[in-house]
């Protein structure tokens, strides 16, 4: 599955969550609330990374880490779609900028 296909699937699931949230509380989450949920997921991811380093004790840490990374990716895909960001183009552009910066720091004569 490519990034576009993953995004379509992620957004479809977000739409289903919207329906569930409307049934439960009368309204779907806003983009800002989706972002707040993502921040919570990043907090969970932090705890799992700490467990991988032996700083916390969490059962089934590898499976939970994989799940949380996938949760975070889902949120990023949904947020990028919601804010109309071409994530693939932005990602490739950012990689190129970072590569140029690192190359310049590793070999200042290349600039």
PDB file of N, CA and C in Angstrom:
ATOM      1  N   UNK A   1       0.843  -1.180   0.000  1.00  0.00           N
ATOM      2  CA  UNK A   1       0.000   0.000   0.000  1.00  0.00           C
ATOM      3  C   UNK A   1       0.887   1.241   0.000  1.00  0.00           C
ATOM      4  N   UNK A   2       0.592   2.189  -0.874  1.00  0.00           N
ATOM      5  CA  UNK A   2       1.374   3.422  -0.882  1.00  0.00           C
ATOM      6  C   UNK A   2       0.763   4.438   0.096  1.00  0.00           C
ATOM      7  N   UNK A   3       1.449   5.573   0.233  1.00  0.00           N
ATOM      8  CA  UNK A   3       1.026   6.576   1.216  1.00  0.00           C
ATOM      9  C   UNK A   3      -0.379   7.094   0.930  1.00  0.00           C
ATOM     10  N   UNK A   4      -0.717   7.297  -0.331  1.00  0.00           N
ATOM     11  CA  UNK A   4      -2.059   7.774  -0.680  1.00  0.00           C
ATOM     12  C   UNK A   4      -3.124   6.760  -0.278  1.00  0.00           C
ATOM     13  N   UNK A   5      -2.873   5.496  -0.537  1.00  0.00           N
ATOM     14  CA  UNK A   5      -3.827   4.449  -0.158  1.00  0.00           C
ATOM     15  C   UNK A   5      -3.968   4.366   1.360  1.00  0.00           C
ATOM     16  N   UNK A   6      -2.851   4.499   2.068  1.00  0.00           N
ATOM     17  CA  UNK A   6      -2.911   4.495   3.535  1.00  0.00           C
ATOM     18  C   UNK A   6      -3.735   5.678   4.041  1.00  0.00           C
ATOM     19  N   UNK A   7      -3.548   6.830   3.416  1.00  0.00           N
ATOM     20  CA  UNK A   7      -4.291   8.024   3.824  1.00  0.00           C
ATOM     21  C   UNK A   7      -5.785   7.843   3.589  1.00  0.00           C
ATOM     22  N   UNK A   8      -6.160   7.303   2.434  1.00  0.00           N
ATOM     23  CA  UNK A   8      -7.572   7.065   2.138  1.00  0.00           C
ATOM     24  C   UNK A   8      -8.175   6.144   3.193  1.00  0.00           C
ATOM     25  N   UNK A   9      -7.474   5.101   3.529  1.00  0.00           N
ATOM     26  CA  UNK A   9      -7.982   4.159   4.538  1.00  0.00           C
ATOM     27  C   UNK A   9      -8.062   4.816   5.915  1.00  0.00           C
ATOM     28  N   UNK A  10      -7.042   5.610   6.271  1.00  0.00           N
ATOM     29  CA  UNK A  10      -7.035   6.306   7.565  1.00  0.00           C
ATOM     30  C   UNK A  10      -8.197   7.291   7.664  1.00  0.00           C
ATOM     31  N   UNK A  11      -8.442   8.032   6.584  1.00  0.00           N
ATOM     32  CA  UNK A  11      -9.535   9.015   6.583  1.00  0.00           C
ATOM     33  C   UNK A  11     -10.880   8.311   6.647  1.00  0.00           C
ATOM     34  N   UNK A  12     -11.009   7.191   5.965  1.00  0.00           N
ATOM     35  CA  UNK A  12     -12.251   6.415   6.039  1.00  0.00           C
ATOM     36  C   UNK A  12     -12.526   5.984   7.487  1.00  0.00           C
ATOM     37  N   UNK A  13     -11.490   5.533   8.162  1.00  0.00           N
ATOM     38  CA  UNK A  13     -11.659   5.141   9.566  1.00  0.00           C
ATOM     39  C   UNK A  13     -12.002   6.357  10.427  1.00  0.00           C
ATOM     40  N   UNK A  14     -11.386   7.517  10.144  1.00  0.00           N
ATOM     41  CA  UNK A  14     -11.710   8.744  10.886  1.00  0.00           C
ATOM     42  C   UNK A  14     -13.183   9.089  10.689  1.00  0.00           C
ATOM     43  N   UNK A  15     -13.697   8.904   9.468  1.00  0.00           N
ATOM     44  CA  UNK A  15     -15.113   9.150   9.197  1.00  0.00           C
ATOM     45  C   UNK A  15     -15.994   8.225  10.042  1.00  0.00           C
ATOM     46  N   UNK A  16     -15.578   6.987  10.184  1.00  0.00           N
ATOM     47  CA  UNK A  16     -16.339   6.043  11.025  1.00  0.00           C
ATOM     48  C   UNK A  16     -16.288   6.454  12.491  1.00  0.00           C
ATOM     49  N   UNK A  17     -15.111   6.930  12.938  1.00  0.00           N
ATOM     50  CA  UNK A  17     -15.016   7.445  14.305  1.00  0.00           C
ATOM     51  C   UNK A  17     -15.933   8.652  14.474  1.00  0.00           C
ATOM     52  N   UNK A  18     -16.008   9.515  13.453  1.00  0.00           N
ATOM     53  CA  UNK A  18     -16.910  10.674  13.526  1.00  0.00           C
ATOM     54  C   UNK A  18     -18.344  10.223  13.776  1.00  0.00           C
ATOM     55  N   UNK A  19     -18.780   9.203  13.055  1.00  0.00           N
ATOM     56  CA  UNK A  19     -20.141   8.684  13.238  1.00  0.00           C
ATOM     57  C   UNK A  19     -20.321   8.136  14.643  1.00  0.00           C
ATOM     58  N   UNK A  20     -19.333   7.427  15.144  1.00  0.00           N
ATOM     59  CA  UNK A  20     -19.399   6.881  16.499  1.00  0.00           C
ATOM     60  C   UNK A  20     -19.447   7.989  17.541  1.00  0.00           C
ATOM     61  N   UNK A  21     -18.608   9.008  17.366  1.00  0.00           N
ATOM     62  CA  UNK A  21     -18.583  10.133  18.308  1.00  0.00           C
ATOM     63  C   UNK A  21     -19.910  10.893  18.290  1.00  0.00           C
ATOM     64  N   UNK A  22     -20.485  11.067  17.097  1.00  0.00           N
ATOM     65  CA  UNK A  22     -21.782  11.737  16.998  1.00  0.00           C
ATOM     66  C   UNK A  22     -22.864  10.929  17.710  1.00  0.00           C
ATOM     67  N   UNK A  23     -22.813   9.608  17.586  1.00  0.00           N
ATOM     68  CA  UNK A  23     -23.789   8.753  18.261  1.00  0.00           C
ATOM     69  C   UNK A  23     -23.596   8.806  19.780  1.00  0.00           C
ATOM     70  N   UNK A  24     -22.368   8.867  20.227  1.00  0.00           N
ATOM     71  CA  UNK A  24     -22.078   8.870  21.672  1.00  0.00           C
ATOM     72  C   UNK A  24     -22.319  10.222  22.323  1.00  0.00           C
ATOM     73  N   UNK A  25     -21.818  11.288  21.692  1.00  0.00           N
ATOM     74  CA  UNK A  25     -21.826  12.589  22.372  1.00  0.00           C
ATOM     75  C   UNK A  25     -22.515  13.700  21.588  1.00  0.00           C
ATOM     76  N   UNK A  26     -23.040  13.382  20.425  1.00  0.00           N
ATOM     77  CA  UNK A  26     -23.772  14.389  19.665  1.00  0.00           C
ATOM     78  C   UNK A  26     -22.925  15.189  18.696  1.00  0.00           C
ATOM     79  N   UNK A  27     -21.611  14.954  18.675  1.00  0.00           N
ATOM     80  CA  UNK A  27     -20.760  15.661  17.723  1.00  0.00           C
ATOM     81  C   UNK A  27     -19.457  14.911  17.522  1.00  0.00           C
ATOM     82  N   UNK A  28     -18.888  15.103  16.341  1.00  0.00           N
ATOM     83  CA  UNK A  28     -17.588  14.508  16.026  1.00  0.00           C
ATOM     84  C   UNK A  28     -16.482  15.379  16.608  1.00  0.00           C
ATOM     85  N   UNK A  29     -15.312  14.797  16.734  1.00  0.00           N
ATOM     86  CA  UNK A  29     -14.152  15.555  17.197  1.00  0.00           C
ATOM     87  C   UNK A  29     -13.747  16.585  16.145  1.00  0.00           C
ATOM     88  N   UNK A  30     -13.275  17.723  16.613  1.00  0.00           N
ATOM     89  CA  UNK A  30     -12.694  18.734  15.730  1.00  0.00           C
ATOM     90  C   UNK A  30     -11.268  18.312  15.359  1.00  0.00           C
ATOM     91  N   UNK A  31     -10.689  19.015  14.403  1.00  0.00           N
ATOM     92  CA  UNK A  31      -9.291  18.739  14.042  1.00  0.00           C
ATOM     93  C   UNK A  31      -8.379  18.942  15.250  1.00  0.00           C
ATOM     94  N   UNK A  32      -8.703  19.948  16.044  1.00  0.00           N
ATOM     95  CA  UNK A  32      -7.887  20.228  17.222  1.00  0.00           C
ATOM     96  C   UNK A  32      -7.979  19.093  18.238  1.00  0.00           C
ATOM     97  N   UNK A  33      -9.154  18.501  18.372  1.00  0.00           N
ATOM     98  CA  UNK A  33      -9.312  17.369  19.288  1.00  0.00           C
ATOM     99  C   UNK A  33      -8.611  16.113  18.756  1.00  0.00           C
ATOM    100  N   UNK A  34      -8.607  15.945  17.445  1.00  0.00           N
ATOM    101  CA  UNK A  34      -7.836  14.845  16.854  1.00  0.00           C
ATOM    102  C   UNK A  34      -6.359  15.046  17.189  1.00  0.00           C
ATOM    103  N   UNK A  35      -5.887  16.287  17.104  1.00  0.00           N
ATOM    104  CA  UNK A  35      -4.501  16.604  17.452  1.00  0.00           C
ATOM    105  C   UNK A  35      -4.232  16.300  18.915  1.00  0.00           C
ATOM    106  N   UNK A  36      -5.167  16.628  19.784  1.00  0.00           N
ATOM    107  CA  UNK A  36      -4.999  16.333  21.210  1.00  0.00           C
ATOM    108  C   UNK A  36      -4.917  14.831  21.447  1.00  0.00           C
ATOM    109  N   UNK A  37      -5.704  14.065  20.706  1.00  0.00           N
ATOM    110  CA  UNK A  37      -5.611  12.613  20.799  1.00  0.00           C
ATOM    111  C   UNK A  37      -4.250  12.120  20.349  1.00  0.00           C
ATOM    112  N   UNK A  38      -3.710  12.737  19.305  1.00  0.00           N
ATOM    113  CA  UNK A  38      -2.376  12.390  18.818  1.00  0.00           C
ATOM    114  C   UNK A  38      -1.321  12.662  19.893  1.00  0.00           C
ATOM    115  N   UNK A  39      -1.443  13.790  20.568  1.00  0.00           N
ATOM    116  CA  UNK A  39      -0.499  14.119  21.642  1.00  0.00           C
ATOM    117  C   UNK A  39      -0.540  13.039  22.727  1.00  0.00           C
ATOM    118  N   UNK A  40      -1.742  12.557  23.052  1.00  0.00           N
ATOM    119  CA  UNK A  40      -1.866  11.461  24.009  1.00  0.00           C
ATOM    120  C   UNK A  40      -1.170  10.202  23.515  1.00  0.00           C
ATOM    121  N   UNK A  41      -1.315   9.920  22.214  1.00  0.00           N
ATOM    122  CA  UNK A  41      -0.643   8.759  21.628  1.00  0.00           C
ATOM    123  C   UNK A  41       0.873   8.907  21.692  1.00  0.00           C
ATOM    124  N   UNK A  42       1.369  10.121  21.466  1.00  0.00           N
ATOM    125  CA  UNK A  42       2.814  10.359  21.551  1.00  0.00           C
ATOM    126  C   UNK A  42       3.284  10.140  22.990  1.00  0.00           C
ATOM    127  N   UNK A  43       2.473  10.516  23.956  1.00  0.00           N
ATOM    128  CA  UNK A  43       2.807  10.248  25.356  1.00  0.00           C
ATOM    129  C   UNK A  43       2.891   8.753  25.621  1.00  0.00           C
ATOM    130  N   UNK A  44       1.938   8.005  25.089  1.00  0.00           N
ATOM    131  CA  UNK A  44       1.974   6.546  25.237  1.00  0.00           C
ATOM    132  C   UNK A  44       3.210   5.966  24.556  1.00  0.00           C
ATOM    133  N   UNK A  45       3.546   6.493  23.387  1.00  0.00           N
ATOM    134  CA  UNK A  45       4.729   6.048  22.662  1.00  0.00           C
ATOM    135  C   UNK A  45       5.988   6.316  23.484  1.00  0.00           C
ATOM    136  N   UNK A  46       6.046   7.453  24.134  1.00  0.00           N
ATOM    137  CA  UNK A  46       7.187   7.797  24.975  1.00  0.00           C
ATOM    138  C   UNK A  46       7.383   6.757  26.072  1.00  0.00           C
ATOM    139  N   UNK A  47       6.309   6.360  26.721  1.00  0.00           N
ATOM    140  CA  UNK A  47       6.395   5.355  27.790  1.00  0.00           C
ATOM    141  C   UNK A  47       6.895   4.017  27.250  1.00  0.00           C
ATOM    142  N   UNK A  48       6.451   3.662  26.058  1.00  0.00           N
ATOM    143  CA  UNK A  48       6.882   2.394  25.465  1.00  0.00           C
ATOM    144  C   UNK A  48       8.352   2.431  25.076  1.00  0.00           C
ATOM    145  N   UNK A  49       8.819   3.554  24.562  1.00  0.00           N
ATOM    146  CA  UNK A  49      10.243   3.700  24.246  1.00  0.00           C
ATOM    147  C   UNK A  49      11.059   3.607  25.530  1.00  0.00           C
ATOM    148  N   UNK A  50      10.574   4.214  26.590  1.00  0.00           N
ATOM    149  CA  UNK A  50      11.253   4.107  27.888  1.00  0.00           C
ATOM    150  C   UNK A  50      11.311   2.650  28.340  1.00  0.00           C
ATOM    151  N   UNK A  51      10.241   1.911  28.114  1.00  0.00           N
ATOM    152  CA  UNK A  51      10.222   0.491  28.490  1.00  0.00           C
ATOM    153  C   UNK A  51      11.244  -0.287  27.668  1.00  0.00           C
ATOM    154  N   UNK A  52      11.376   0.059  26.388  1.00  0.00           N
ATOM    155  CA  UNK A  52      12.383  -0.609  25.550  1.00  0.00           C
ATOM    156  C   UNK A  52      13.798  -0.346  26.067  1.00  0.00           C
ATOM    157  N   UNK A  53      13.995   0.781  26.727  1.00  0.00           N
ATOM    158  CA  UNK A  53      15.300   1.128  27.293  1.00  0.00           C
ATOM    159  C   UNK A  53      15.473   0.596  28.710  1.00  0.00           C
ATOM    160  N   UNK A  54      14.463  -0.124  29.214  1.00  0.00           N
ATOM    161  CA  UNK A  54      14.538  -0.702  30.552  1.00  0.00           C
ATOM    162  C   UNK A  54      14.181   0.263  31.665  1.00  0.00           C
ATOM    163  N   UNK A  55      13.612   1.407  31.321  1.00  0.00           N
ATOM    164  CA  UNK A  55      13.268   2.415  32.328  1.00  0.00           C
ATOM    165  C   UNK A  55      11.849   2.272  32.858  1.00  0.00           C
ATOM    166  N   UNK A  56      11.055   1.449  32.214  1.00  0.00           N
ATOM    167  CA  UNK A  56       9.690   1.140  32.641  1.00  0.00           C
ATOM    168  C   UNK A  56       9.462  -0.336  32.397  1.00  0.00           C
ATOM    169  N   UNK A  57       8.503  -0.870  33.120  1.00  0.00           N
ATOM    170  CA  UNK A  57       8.144  -2.271  32.921  1.00  0.00           C
ATOM    171  C   UNK A  57       6.758  -2.332  32.291  1.00  0.00           C
ATOM    172  N   UNK A  58       6.707  -2.800  31.044  1.00  0.00           N
ATOM    173  CA  UNK A  58       5.445  -2.908  30.321  1.00  0.00           C
ATOM    174  C   UNK A  58       5.424  -4.272  29.645  1.00  0.00           C
ATOM    175  N   UNK A  59       4.391  -5.052  29.921  1.00  0.00           N
ATOM    176  CA  UNK A  59       4.247  -6.361  29.279  1.00  0.00           C
ATOM    177  C   UNK A  59       3.995  -6.189  27.783  1.00  0.00           C
ATOM    178  N   UNK A  60       4.453  -7.142  26.997  1.00  0.00           N
ATOM    179  CA  UNK A  60       4.236  -7.150  25.541  1.00  0.00           C
ATOM    180  C   UNK A  60       4.667  -5.844  24.883  1.00  0.00           C
ATOM    181  N   UNK A  61       5.800  -5.310  25.320  1.00  0.00           N
ATOM    182  CA  UNK A  61       6.221  -3.983  24.872  1.00  0.00           C
ATOM    183  C   UNK A  61       6.417  -3.909  23.366  1.00  0.00           C
ATOM    184  N   UNK A  62       6.938  -4.946  22.732  1.00  0.00           N
ATOM    185  CA  UNK A  62       7.176  -4.878  21.287  1.00  0.00           C
ATOM    186  C   UNK A  62       5.873  -4.743  20.507  1.00  0.00           C
ATOM    187  N   UNK A  63       4.877  -5.522  20.873  1.00  0.00           N
ATOM    188  CA  UNK A  63       3.573  -5.442  20.200  1.00  0.00           C
ATOM    189  C   UNK A  63       2.912  -4.094  20.474  1.00  0.00           C
ATOM    190  N   UNK A  64       3.017  -3.619  21.688  1.00  0.00           N
ATOM    191  CA  UNK A  64       2.413  -2.330  22.048  1.00  0.00           C
ATOM    192  C   UNK A  64       3.132  -1.177  21.352  1.00  0.00           C
ATOM    193  N   UNK A  65       4.455  -1.291  21.212  1.00  0.00           N
ATOM    194  CA  UNK A  65       5.222  -0.260  20.511  1.00  0.00           C
ATOM    195  C   UNK A  65       4.800  -0.201  19.039  1.00  0.00           C
ATOM    196  N   UNK A  66       4.695  -1.348  18.405  1.00  0.00           N
ATOM    197  CA  UNK A  66       4.259  -1.387  17.003  1.00  0.00           C
ATOM    198  C   UNK A  66       2.866  -0.777  16.860  1.00  0.00           C
ATOM    199  N   UNK A  67       1.966  -1.128  17.774  1.00  0.00           N
ATOM    200  CA  UNK A  67       0.601  -0.592  17.739  1.00  0.00           C
ATOM    201  C   UNK A  67       0.613   0.933  17.895  1.00  0.00           C
ATOM    202  N   UNK A  68       1.383   1.437  18.839  1.00  0.00           N
ATOM    203  CA  UNK A  68       1.388   2.885  19.102  1.00  0.00           C
ATOM    204  C   UNK A  68       2.021   3.656  17.950  1.00  0.00           C
ATOM    205  N   UNK A  69       3.074   3.101  17.345  1.00  0.00           N
ATOM    206  CA  UNK A  69       3.651   3.749  16.169  1.00  0.00           C
ATOM    207  C   UNK A  69       2.614   3.821  15.047  1.00  0.00           C
ATOM    208  N   UNK A  70       1.860   2.750  14.871  1.00  0.00           N
ATOM    209  CA  UNK A  70       0.802   2.739  13.854  1.00  0.00           C
ATOM    210  C   UNK A  70      -0.292   3.750  14.200  1.00  0.00           C
ATOM    211  N   UNK A  71      -0.659   3.855  15.476  1.00  0.00           N
ATOM    212  CA  UNK A  71      -1.641   4.858  15.908  1.00  0.00           C
ATOM    213  C   UNK A  71      -1.159   6.263  15.569  1.00  0.00           C
ATOM    214  N   UNK A  72       0.112   6.529  15.846  1.00  0.00           N
ATOM    215  CA  UNK A  72       0.672   7.855  15.561  1.00  0.00           C
ATOM    216  C   UNK A  72       0.671   8.136  14.067  1.00  0.00           C
ATOM    217  N   UNK A  73       1.041   7.149  13.270  1.00  0.00           N
ATOM    218  CA  UNK A  73       1.015   7.321  11.814  1.00  0.00           C
ATOM    219  C   UNK A  73      -0.402   7.608  11.342  1.00  0.00           C
ATOM    220  N   UNK A  74      -1.382   6.882  11.887  1.00  0.00           N
ATOM    221  CA  UNK A  74      -2.774   7.112  11.527  1.00  0.00           C
ATOM    222  C   UNK A  74      -3.159   8.568  11.800  1.00  0.00           C
ATOM    223  N   UNK A  75      -2.801   9.064  12.975  1.00  0.00           N
ATOM    224  CA  UNK A  75      -3.128  10.453  13.321  1.00  0.00           C
ATOM    225  C   UNK A  75      -2.464  11.431  12.368  1.00  0.00           C
ATOM    226  N   UNK A  76      -1.212  11.186  12.024  1.00  0.00           N
ATOM    227  CA  UNK A  76      -0.501  12.077  11.107  1.00  0.00           C
ATOM    228  C   UNK A  76      -1.165  12.068   9.737  1.00  0.00           C
ATOM    229  N   UNK A  77      -1.554  10.901   9.260  1.00  0.00           N
ATOM    230  CA  UNK A  77      -2.230  10.814   7.959  1.00  0.00           C
ATOM    231  C   UNK A  77      -3.555  11.567   7.987  1.00  0.00           C
ATOM    232  N   UNK A  78      -4.317  11.388   9.057  1.00  0.00           N
ATOM    233  CA  UNK A  78      -5.616  12.068   9.179  1.00  0.00           C
ATOM    234  C   UNK A  78      -5.418  13.578   9.278  1.00  0.00           C
ATOM    235  N   UNK A  79      -4.469  14.013  10.089  1.00  0.00           N
ATOM    236  CA  UNK A  79      -4.232  15.447  10.247  1.00  0.00           C
ATOM    237  C   UNK A  79      -3.720  16.073   8.957  1.00  0.00           C
ATOM    238  N   UNK A  80      -2.833  15.396   8.257  1.00  0.00           N
ATOM    239  CA  UNK A  80      -2.326  15.962   6.994  1.00  0.00           C
ATOM    240  C   UNK A  80      -3.460  16.103   5.982  1.00  0.00           C
ATOM    241  N   UNK A  81      -4.341  15.126   5.940  1.00  0.00           N
ATOM    242  CA  UNK A  81      -5.498  15.220   5.043  1.00  0.00           C
ATOM    243  C   UNK A  81      -6.419  16.356   5.477  1.00  0.00           C
ATOM    244  N   UNK A  82      -6.665  16.446   6.763  1.00  0.00           N
ATOM    245  CA  UNK A  82      -7.571  17.456   7.305  1.00  0.00           C
ATOM    246  C   UNK A  82      -7.078  18.879   7.013  1.00  0.00           C
ATOM    247  N   UNK A  83      -5.754  19.064   7.055  1.00  0.00           N
ATOM    248  CA  UNK A  83      -5.175  20.387   6.809  1.00  0.00           C
ATOM    249  C   UNK A  83      -4.680  20.538   5.368  1.00  0.00           C
ATOM    250  N   UNK A  84      -5.030  19.589   4.508  1.00  0.00           N
ATOM    251  CA  UNK A  84      -4.712  19.618   3.081  1.00  0.00           C
ATOM    252  C   UNK A  84      -3.211  19.767   2.820  1.00  0.00           C
ATOM    253  N   UNK A  85      -2.434  18.990   3.566  1.00  0.00           N
ATOM    254  CA  UNK A  85      -0.984  18.952   3.382  1.00  0.00           C
ATOM    255  C   UNK A  85      -0.652  17.735   2.529  1.00  0.00           C
ATOM    256  N   UNK A  86       0.092  17.946   1.469  1.00  0.00           N
ATOM    257  CA  UNK A  86       0.588  16.843   0.656  1.00  0.00           C
ATOM    258  C   UNK A  86       1.763  16.246   1.421  1.00  0.00           C
ATOM    259  N   UNK A  87       1.463  15.252   2.234  1.00  0.00           N
ATOM    260  CA  UNK A  87       2.448  14.700   3.147  1.00  0.00           C
ATOM    261  C   UNK A  87       3.625  14.076   2.413  1.00  0.00           C
ATOM    262  N   UNK A  88       3.355  13.392   1.325  1.00  0.00           N
ATOM    263  CA  UNK A  88       4.446  12.771   0.582  1.00  0.00           C
ATOM    264  C   UNK A  88       5.416  13.832   0.066  1.00  0.00           C
ATOM    265  N   UNK A  89       4.901  14.884  -0.538  1.00  0.00           N
ATOM    266  CA  UNK A  89       5.759  15.955  -1.057  1.00  0.00           C
ATOM    267  C   UNK A  89       6.495  16.659   0.079  1.00  0.00           C
ATOM    268  N   UNK A  90       5.796  16.932   1.169  1.00  0.00           N
ATOM    269  CA  UNK A  90       6.425  17.597   2.311  1.00  0.00           C
ATOM    270  C   UNK A  90       7.516  16.728   2.919  1.00  0.00           C
ATOM    271  N   UNK A  91       7.261  15.438   3.006  1.00  0.00           N
ATOM    272  CA  UNK A  91       8.241  14.513   3.569  1.00  0.00           C
ATOM    273  C   UNK A  91       9.495  14.465   2.696  1.00  0.00           C
ATOM    274  N   UNK A  92       9.316  14.324   1.390  1.00  0.00           N
ATOM    275  CA  UNK A  92      10.464  14.273   0.486  1.00  0.00           C
ATOM    276  C   UNK A  92      11.251  15.582   0.502  1.00  0.00           C
ATOM    277  N   UNK A  93      10.546  16.701   0.546  1.00  0.00           N
ATOM    278  CA  UNK A  93      11.197  18.010   0.614  1.00  0.00           C
ATOM    279  C   UNK A  93      11.990  18.154   1.916  1.00  0.00           C
ATOM    280  N   UNK A  94      11.392  17.714   3.015  1.00  0.00           N
ATOM    281  CA  UNK A  94      12.069  17.793   4.307  1.00  0.00           C
ATOM    282  C   UNK A  94      13.306  16.906   4.341  1.00  0.00           C
ATOM    283  N   UNK A  95      13.199  15.695   3.794  1.00  0.00           N
ATOM    284  CA  UNK A  95      14.372  14.812   3.727  1.00  0.00           C
ATOM    285  C   UNK A  95      15.500  15.476   2.952  1.00  0.00           C
ATOM    286  N   UNK A  96      15.162  16.078   1.813  1.00  0.00           N
ATOM    287  CA  UNK A  96      16.180  16.734   1.000  1.00  0.00           C
ATOM    288  C   UNK A  96      16.839  17.879   1.760  1.00  0.00           C
ATOM    289  N   UNK A  97      16.030  18.687   2.451  1.00  0.00           N
ATOM    290  CA  UNK A  97      16.581  19.797   3.236  1.00  0.00           C
ATOM    291  C   UNK A  97      17.513  19.287   4.327  1.00  0.00           C
ATOM    292  N   UNK A  98      17.121  18.215   4.994  1.00  0.00           N
ATOM    293  CA  UNK A  98      17.955  17.652   6.057  1.00  0.00           C
ATOM    294  C   UNK A  98      19.249  17.071   5.494  1.00  0.00           C
ATOM    295  N   UNK A  99      19.151  16.400   4.341  1.00  0.00           N
ATOM    296  CA  UNK A  99      20.349  15.834   3.716  1.00  0.00           C
ATOM    297  C   UNK A  99      21.336  16.937   3.337  1.00  0.00           C
ATOM    298  N   UNK A 100      20.835  18.022   2.796  1.00  0.00           N
ATOM    299  CA  UNK A 100      21.696  19.146   2.418  1.00  0.00           C
ATOM    300  C   UNK A 100      22.356  19.730   3.654  1.00  0.00           C
ATOM    301  N   UNK A 101      21.584  19.929   4.709  1.00  0.00           N
ATOM    302  CA  UNK A 101      22.134  20.505   5.942  1.00  0.00           C
ATOM    303  C   UNK A 101      23.199  19.602   6.559  1.00  0.00           C
ATOM    304  N   UNK A 102      22.919  18.303   6.605  1.00  0.00           N
ATOM    305  CA  UNK A 102      23.880  17.367   7.186  1.00  0.00           C
ATOM    306  C   UNK A 102      25.141  17.310   6.336  1.00  0.00           C
ATOM    307  N   UNK A 103      24.973  17.235   5.021  1.00  0.00           N
ATOM    308  CA  UNK A 103      26.131  17.214   4.129  1.00  0.00           C
ATOM    309  C   UNK A 103      26.994  18.456   4.325  1.00  0.00           C
ATOM    310  N   UNK A 104      26.360  19.612   4.472  1.00  0.00           N
ATOM    311  CA  UNK A 104      27.091  20.864   4.663  1.00  0.00           C
ATOM    312  C   UNK A 104      27.855  20.857   5.982  1.00  0.00           C
ATOM    313  N   UNK A 105      27.272  20.287   7.017  1.00  0.00           N
ATOM    314  CA  UNK A 105      27.963  20.233   8.309  1.00  0.00           C
ATOM    315  C   UNK A 105      29.080  19.201   8.310  1.00  0.00           C
ATOM    316  N   UNK A 106      28.884  18.094   7.590  1.00  0.00           N
ATOM    317  CA  UNK A 106      29.920  17.071   7.520  1.00  0.00           C
ATOM    318  C   UNK A 106      31.097  17.504   6.643  1.00  0.00           C
ATOM    319  N   UNK A 107      30.797  18.276   5.600  1.00  0.00           N
ATOM    320  CA  UNK A 107      31.840  18.737   4.683  1.00  0.00           C
ATOM    321  C   UNK A 107      31.545  20.180   4.288  1.00  0.00           C
ATOM    322  N   UNK A 108      32.009  21.143   5.088  1.00  0.00           N
ATOM    323  CA  UNK A 108      31.707  22.564   4.832  1.00  0.00           C
ATOM    324  C   UNK A 108      32.210  23.061   3.475  1.00  0.00           C
ATOM    325  N   UNK A 109      33.135  22.361   2.843  1.00  0.00           N
ATOM    326  CA  UNK A 109      33.625  22.791   1.543  1.00  0.00           C
ATOM    327  C   UNK A 109      32.651  22.512   0.413  1.00  0.00           C
ATOM    328  N   UNK A 110      31.594  21.705   0.681  1.00  0.00           N
ATOM    329  CA  UNK A 110      30.615  21.336  -0.347  1.00  0.00           C
ATOM    330  C   UNK A 110      29.589  22.428  -0.606  1.00  0.00           C
ATOM    331  N   UNK A 111      29.468  23.409   0.251  1.00  0.00           N
ATOM    332  CA  UNK A 111      28.425  24.426   0.086  1.00  0.00           C
ATOM    333  C   UNK A 111      28.776  25.367  -0.981  1.00  0.00           C
TER     334      UNK A 111
END
